[in-house]
Amino acid sequence: MWVAHLEANGLTVKTTDVPDIAAVKAKAGVPPVLSSCHTAFVDGYVVEGHVPADDLKRLLAERPEIVGISVPGMPVGSPGMEGPNPQPFDVVAFDEEGSFSRFSSYEP
């Protein structure tokens, strides 16, 4: 569903299933507290979880000096997780030093 959201917003996606996604996340530098279900690699950045396409486009336009962005967990209401009772959620930026900052916020 998240892939469909990205494609519907003009992004090209190639998916690969891997046997040990936890190892991929660790090698990519995704802090465990920011972990989610999907890990993507986009033009030098790590994109973790159900990140909205607009945030991915902003990341690529602004090119901040970070490792990547994440929507931790799988909040209802994030792209690909639509459903009743949507929750507010943040997109979190993370860097090599382990620092986090809010990249964007969403309210239902």
N, C-alpha and C. Protein backbone atom coordinates (compact mmCIF):
# COMPACT_ATOMS: atom_id res chain seq x y z
N MET A 1 0.81 -1.19 0.00
CA MET A 1 0.00 0.00 0.00
C MET A 1 0.86 1.27 0.00
N TRP A 2 1.99 1.26 0.77
CA TRP A 2 2.86 2.43 0.78
C TRP A 2 3.48 2.63 -0.60
N VAL A 3 3.89 1.55 -1.24
CA VAL A 3 4.46 1.64 -2.59
C VAL A 3 3.44 2.25 -3.55
N ALA A 4 2.19 1.83 -3.46
CA ALA A 4 1.14 2.39 -4.32
C ALA A 4 1.00 3.89 -4.09
N HIS A 5 1.10 4.33 -2.84
CA HIS A 5 1.04 5.76 -2.51
C HIS A 5 2.18 6.51 -3.20
N LEU A 6 3.39 5.97 -3.13
CA LEU A 6 4.53 6.63 -3.76
C LEU A 6 4.35 6.70 -5.27
N GLU A 7 3.94 5.60 -5.87
CA GLU A 7 3.75 5.56 -7.32
C GLU A 7 2.63 6.51 -7.76
N ALA A 8 1.57 6.58 -6.97
CA ALA A 8 0.46 7.49 -7.30
C ALA A 8 0.89 8.95 -7.23
N ASN A 9 1.99 9.20 -6.53
CA ASN A 9 2.51 10.56 -6.41
C ASN A 9 3.74 10.79 -7.29
N GLY A 10 3.87 9.97 -8.33
CA GLY A 10 4.88 10.21 -9.34
C GLY A 10 6.26 9.66 -9.08
N LEU A 11 6.42 8.86 -8.04
CA LEU A 11 7.73 8.28 -7.74
C LEU A 11 7.84 6.88 -8.33
N THR A 12 9.03 6.52 -8.77
CA THR A 12 9.29 5.19 -9.30
C THR A 12 9.86 4.34 -8.17
N VAL A 13 9.33 3.15 -7.99
CA VAL A 13 9.71 2.29 -6.88
C VAL A 13 10.14 0.92 -7.40
N LYS A 14 11.25 0.43 -6.86
CA LYS A 14 11.68 -0.94 -7.11
C LYS A 14 11.72 -1.63 -5.75
N THR A 15 11.02 -2.74 -5.62
CA THR A 15 10.98 -3.43 -4.33
C THR A 15 11.84 -4.70 -4.37
N THR A 16 12.40 -5.01 -3.22
CA THR A 16 13.20 -6.22 -3.05
C THR A 16 12.89 -6.80 -1.68
N ASP A 17 12.47 -8.04 -1.65
CA ASP A 17 12.27 -8.73 -0.37
C ASP A 17 13.62 -9.27 0.09
N VAL A 18 13.90 -9.10 1.38
CA VAL A 18 15.16 -9.60 1.94
C VAL A 18 14.85 -10.52 3.12
N PRO A 19 15.70 -11.51 3.36
CA PRO A 19 15.42 -12.46 4.43
C PRO A 19 15.58 -11.89 5.84
N ASP A 20 16.43 -10.86 6.01
CA ASP A 20 16.68 -10.31 7.34
C ASP A 20 16.65 -8.79 7.29
N ILE A 21 15.46 -8.22 7.36
CA ILE A 21 15.32 -6.78 7.26
C ILE A 21 15.95 -6.06 8.46
N ALA A 22 16.00 -6.70 9.62
CA ALA A 22 16.62 -6.08 10.80
C ALA A 22 18.10 -5.80 10.53
N ALA A 23 18.77 -6.72 9.86
CA ALA A 23 20.18 -6.52 9.53
C ALA A 23 20.35 -5.37 8.55
N VAL A 24 19.43 -5.25 7.61
CA VAL A 24 19.47 -4.16 6.63
C VAL A 24 19.31 -2.82 7.35
N LYS A 25 18.35 -2.76 8.27
CA LYS A 25 18.10 -1.53 9.02
C LYS A 25 19.34 -1.15 9.85
N ALA A 26 19.93 -2.12 10.53
CA ALA A 26 21.10 -1.86 11.36
C ALA A 26 22.27 -1.36 10.52
N LYS A 27 22.52 -2.00 9.40
CA LYS A 27 23.61 -1.59 8.52
C LYS A 27 23.38 -0.19 7.94
N ALA A 28 22.12 0.16 7.71
CA ALA A 28 21.77 1.46 7.15
C ALA A 28 21.80 2.58 8.20
N GLY A 29 21.91 2.21 9.49
CA GLY A 29 21.97 3.22 10.54
C GLY A 29 20.63 3.67 11.06
N VAL A 30 19.58 2.86 10.86
CA VAL A 30 18.26 3.20 11.38
C VAL A 30 18.24 2.91 12.88
N PRO A 31 18.06 3.93 13.73
CA PRO A 31 17.98 3.67 15.16
C PRO A 31 16.76 2.78 15.47
N PRO A 32 16.92 1.79 16.34
CA PRO A 32 15.80 0.89 16.63
C PRO A 32 14.51 1.61 17.02
N VAL A 33 14.61 2.72 17.73
CA VAL A 33 13.41 3.45 18.16
C VAL A 33 12.66 4.06 16.97
N LEU A 34 13.33 4.21 15.83
CA LEU A 34 12.69 4.78 14.64
C LEU A 34 12.31 3.72 13.62
N SER A 35 12.45 2.48 13.98
CA SER A 35 12.19 1.37 13.06
C SER A 35 10.72 1.25 12.71
N SER A 36 10.49 0.71 11.52
CA SER A 36 9.14 0.45 11.04
C SER A 36 9.18 -0.78 10.15
N CYS A 37 8.24 -0.88 9.23
CA CYS A 37 8.11 -2.08 8.41
C CYS A 37 8.90 -2.04 7.11
N HIS A 38 9.08 -0.87 6.52
CA HIS A 38 9.75 -0.73 5.23
C HIS A 38 11.05 0.03 5.41
N THR A 39 12.07 -0.36 4.68
CA THR A 39 13.30 0.42 4.61
C THR A 39 13.60 0.64 3.14
N ALA A 40 13.75 1.91 2.77
CA ALA A 40 14.04 2.25 1.37
C ALA A 40 15.34 3.05 1.31
N PHE A 41 15.99 2.93 0.18
CA PHE A 41 17.21 3.69 -0.08
C PHE A 41 16.93 4.57 -1.29
N VAL A 42 17.03 5.88 -1.08
CA VAL A 42 16.65 6.83 -2.11
C VAL A 42 17.74 7.88 -2.25
N ASP A 43 18.49 7.80 -3.31
CA ASP A 43 19.49 8.81 -3.67
C ASP A 43 20.39 9.19 -2.49
N GLY A 44 20.91 8.18 -1.79
CA GLY A 44 21.83 8.41 -0.69
C GLY A 44 21.19 8.55 0.68
N TYR A 45 19.88 8.50 0.76
CA TYR A 45 19.16 8.61 2.03
C TYR A 45 18.47 7.29 2.37
N VAL A 46 18.21 7.11 3.66
CA VAL A 46 17.41 5.99 4.15
C VAL A 46 16.01 6.55 4.44
N VAL A 47 15.00 5.84 3.97
CA VAL A 47 13.61 6.23 4.22
C VAL A 47 12.96 5.04 4.91
N GLU A 48 12.54 5.25 6.15
CA GLU A 48 12.04 4.16 6.99
C GLU A 48 10.56 4.34 7.28
N GLY A 49 9.78 3.33 6.96
CA GLY A 49 8.37 3.35 7.30
C GLY A 49 7.50 4.06 6.28
N HIS A 50 6.31 4.41 6.70
CA HIS A 50 5.27 4.95 5.83
C HIS A 50 5.41 6.47 5.66
N VAL A 51 6.54 6.89 5.12
CA VAL A 51 6.81 8.31 4.91
C VAL A 51 5.95 8.82 3.75
N PRO A 52 5.24 9.94 3.94
CA PRO A 52 4.46 10.51 2.84
C PRO A 52 5.34 10.92 1.66
N ALA A 53 4.81 10.77 0.46
CA ALA A 53 5.55 11.11 -0.76
C ALA A 53 6.02 12.55 -0.74
N ASP A 54 5.22 13.48 -0.23
CA ASP A 54 5.62 14.89 -0.20
C ASP A 54 6.87 15.10 0.64
N ASP A 55 7.01 14.34 1.73
CA ASP A 55 8.21 14.46 2.56
C ASP A 55 9.43 13.88 1.85
N LEU A 56 9.23 12.80 1.12
CA LEU A 56 10.31 12.22 0.34
C LEU A 56 10.77 13.20 -0.74
N LYS A 57 9.84 13.85 -1.40
CA LYS A 57 10.17 14.85 -2.41
C LYS A 57 10.90 16.04 -1.78
N ARG A 58 10.44 16.46 -0.61
CA ARG A 58 11.09 17.58 0.10
C ARG A 58 12.52 17.20 0.48
N LEU A 59 12.71 15.98 0.98
CA LEU A 59 14.04 15.50 1.34
C LEU A 59 14.98 15.62 0.15
N LEU A 60 14.54 15.17 -1.00
CA LEU A 60 15.38 15.19 -2.20
C LEU A 60 15.61 16.61 -2.73
N ALA A 61 14.65 17.49 -2.52
CA ALA A 61 14.81 18.88 -2.96
C ALA A 61 15.75 19.66 -2.05
N GLU A 62 15.61 19.46 -0.72
CA GLU A 62 16.40 20.22 0.24
C GLU A 62 17.77 19.62 0.52
N ARG A 63 17.89 18.30 0.41
CA ARG A 63 19.14 17.56 0.62
C ARG A 63 19.85 17.92 1.93
N PRO A 64 19.15 17.78 3.07
CA PRO A 64 19.80 18.07 4.35
C PRO A 64 20.90 17.06 4.65
N GLU A 65 21.81 17.43 5.54
CA GLU A 65 22.91 16.55 5.92
C GLU A 65 22.44 15.62 7.04
N ILE A 66 21.67 14.61 6.66
CA ILE A 66 21.14 13.61 7.59
C ILE A 66 21.30 12.24 6.94
N VAL A 67 21.10 11.21 7.74
CA VAL A 67 21.10 9.84 7.21
C VAL A 67 19.78 9.57 6.51
N GLY A 68 18.68 10.00 7.15
CA GLY A 68 17.39 9.74 6.54
C GLY A 68 16.23 10.23 7.36
N ILE A 69 15.03 9.78 6.95
CA ILE A 69 13.80 10.15 7.63
C ILE A 69 12.97 8.89 7.91
N SER A 70 12.12 8.98 8.93
CA SER A 70 11.35 7.82 9.36
C SER A 70 9.98 8.22 9.87
N VAL A 71 9.02 7.35 9.64
CA VAL A 71 7.75 7.38 10.37
C VAL A 71 7.79 6.12 11.24
N PRO A 72 8.18 6.28 12.52
CA PRO A 72 8.32 5.11 13.39
C PRO A 72 7.01 4.36 13.57
N GLY A 73 7.11 3.06 13.70
CA GLY A 73 5.93 2.22 13.89
C GLY A 73 5.10 2.19 12.63
N MET A 74 3.85 1.99 12.79
CA MET A 74 2.92 1.94 11.66
C MET A 74 1.64 2.68 12.04
N PRO A 75 1.72 4.01 12.20
CA PRO A 75 0.54 4.74 12.67
C PRO A 75 -0.62 4.72 11.68
N VAL A 76 -1.80 4.46 12.18
CA VAL A 76 -3.00 4.50 11.35
C VAL A 76 -3.17 5.93 10.85
N GLY A 77 -3.36 6.07 9.57
CA GLY A 77 -3.50 7.38 8.95
C GLY A 77 -2.29 7.78 8.13
N SER A 78 -1.17 7.08 8.32
CA SER A 78 -0.01 7.34 7.47
C SER A 78 -0.23 6.67 6.12
N PRO A 79 0.47 7.09 5.07
CA PRO A 79 0.25 6.51 3.74
C PRO A 79 0.42 4.99 3.74
N GLY A 80 -0.58 4.32 3.23
CA GLY A 80 -0.56 2.86 3.22
C GLY A 80 -1.15 2.24 4.48
N MET A 81 -1.45 3.06 5.46
CA MET A 81 -2.03 2.59 6.72
C MET A 81 -3.37 3.30 6.98
N GLU A 82 -4.05 3.66 5.89
CA GLU A 82 -5.32 4.35 6.04
C GLU A 82 -6.30 3.44 6.78
N GLY A 83 -7.20 4.05 7.53
CA GLY A 83 -8.20 3.29 8.26
C GLY A 83 -8.95 4.18 9.21
N PRO A 84 -9.87 3.58 9.95
CA PRO A 84 -10.63 4.37 10.91
C PRO A 84 -9.74 4.83 12.07
N ASN A 85 -10.11 5.93 12.66
CA ASN A 85 -9.41 6.49 13.81
C ASN A 85 -7.94 6.80 13.52
N PRO A 86 -7.68 7.61 12.49
CA PRO A 86 -6.28 7.95 12.19
C PRO A 86 -5.63 8.67 13.36
N GLN A 87 -4.33 8.48 13.48
CA GLN A 87 -3.54 9.04 14.57
C GLN A 87 -2.64 10.15 14.04
N PRO A 88 -2.32 11.13 14.88
CA PRO A 88 -1.29 12.09 14.48
C PRO A 88 0.04 11.34 14.39
N PHE A 89 0.93 11.79 13.52
CA PHE A 89 2.25 11.19 13.45
C PHE A 89 3.27 12.21 12.96
N ASP A 90 4.52 11.94 13.31
CA ASP A 90 5.63 12.78 12.88
C ASP A 90 6.50 12.02 11.89
N VAL A 91 7.12 12.76 11.01
CA VAL A 91 8.23 12.26 10.21
C VAL A 91 9.48 12.78 10.91
N VAL A 92 10.39 11.87 11.24
CA VAL A 92 11.55 12.19 12.05
C VAL A 92 12.81 12.08 11.21
N ALA A 93 13.65 13.12 11.25
CA ALA A 93 14.96 13.08 10.60
C ALA A 93 15.98 12.53 11.59
N PHE A 94 16.95 11.77 11.10
CA PHE A 94 18.01 11.25 11.97
C PHE A 94 19.36 11.37 11.28
N ASP A 95 20.40 11.58 12.10
CA ASP A 95 21.74 11.76 11.54
C ASP A 95 22.69 10.67 12.06
N GLU A 96 23.95 10.76 11.62
CA GLU A 96 24.95 9.75 11.98
C GLU A 96 25.27 9.73 13.47
N GLU A 97 25.10 10.86 14.15
CA GLU A 97 25.41 10.93 15.58
C GLU A 97 24.29 10.39 16.45
N GLY A 98 23.18 10.03 15.84
CA GLY A 98 22.06 9.51 16.61
C GLY A 98 21.08 10.58 17.05
N SER A 99 21.22 11.79 16.52
CA SER A 99 20.30 12.86 16.86
C SER A 99 19.04 12.76 16.01
N PHE A 100 17.91 13.15 16.60
CA PHE A 100 16.63 13.14 15.92
C PHE A 100 16.07 14.56 15.90
N SER A 101 15.29 14.86 14.87
CA SER A 101 14.55 16.12 14.83
C SER A 101 13.28 15.90 14.02
N ARG A 102 12.27 16.72 14.30
CA ARG A 102 11.01 16.60 13.57
C ARG A 102 11.22 17.17 12.17
N PHE A 103 10.88 16.38 11.17
CA PHE A 103 10.94 16.81 9.77
C PHE A 103 9.60 17.40 9.36
N SER A 104 8.52 16.75 9.79
CA SER A 104 7.16 17.25 9.56
C SER A 104 6.21 16.55 10.51
N SER A 105 5.00 17.10 10.63
CA SER A 105 3.96 16.52 11.49
C SER A 105 2.65 16.46 10.75
N TYR A 106 1.85 15.47 11.11
CA TYR A 106 0.53 15.30 10.48
C TYR A 106 -0.52 15.09 11.55
N GLU A 107 -1.64 15.77 11.40
CA GLU A 107 -2.80 15.61 12.27
C GLU A 107 -3.94 15.01 11.44
N PRO A 108 -4.74 14.14 12.03
CA PRO A 108 -5.86 13.56 11.26
C PRO A 108 -6.91 14.61 10.90
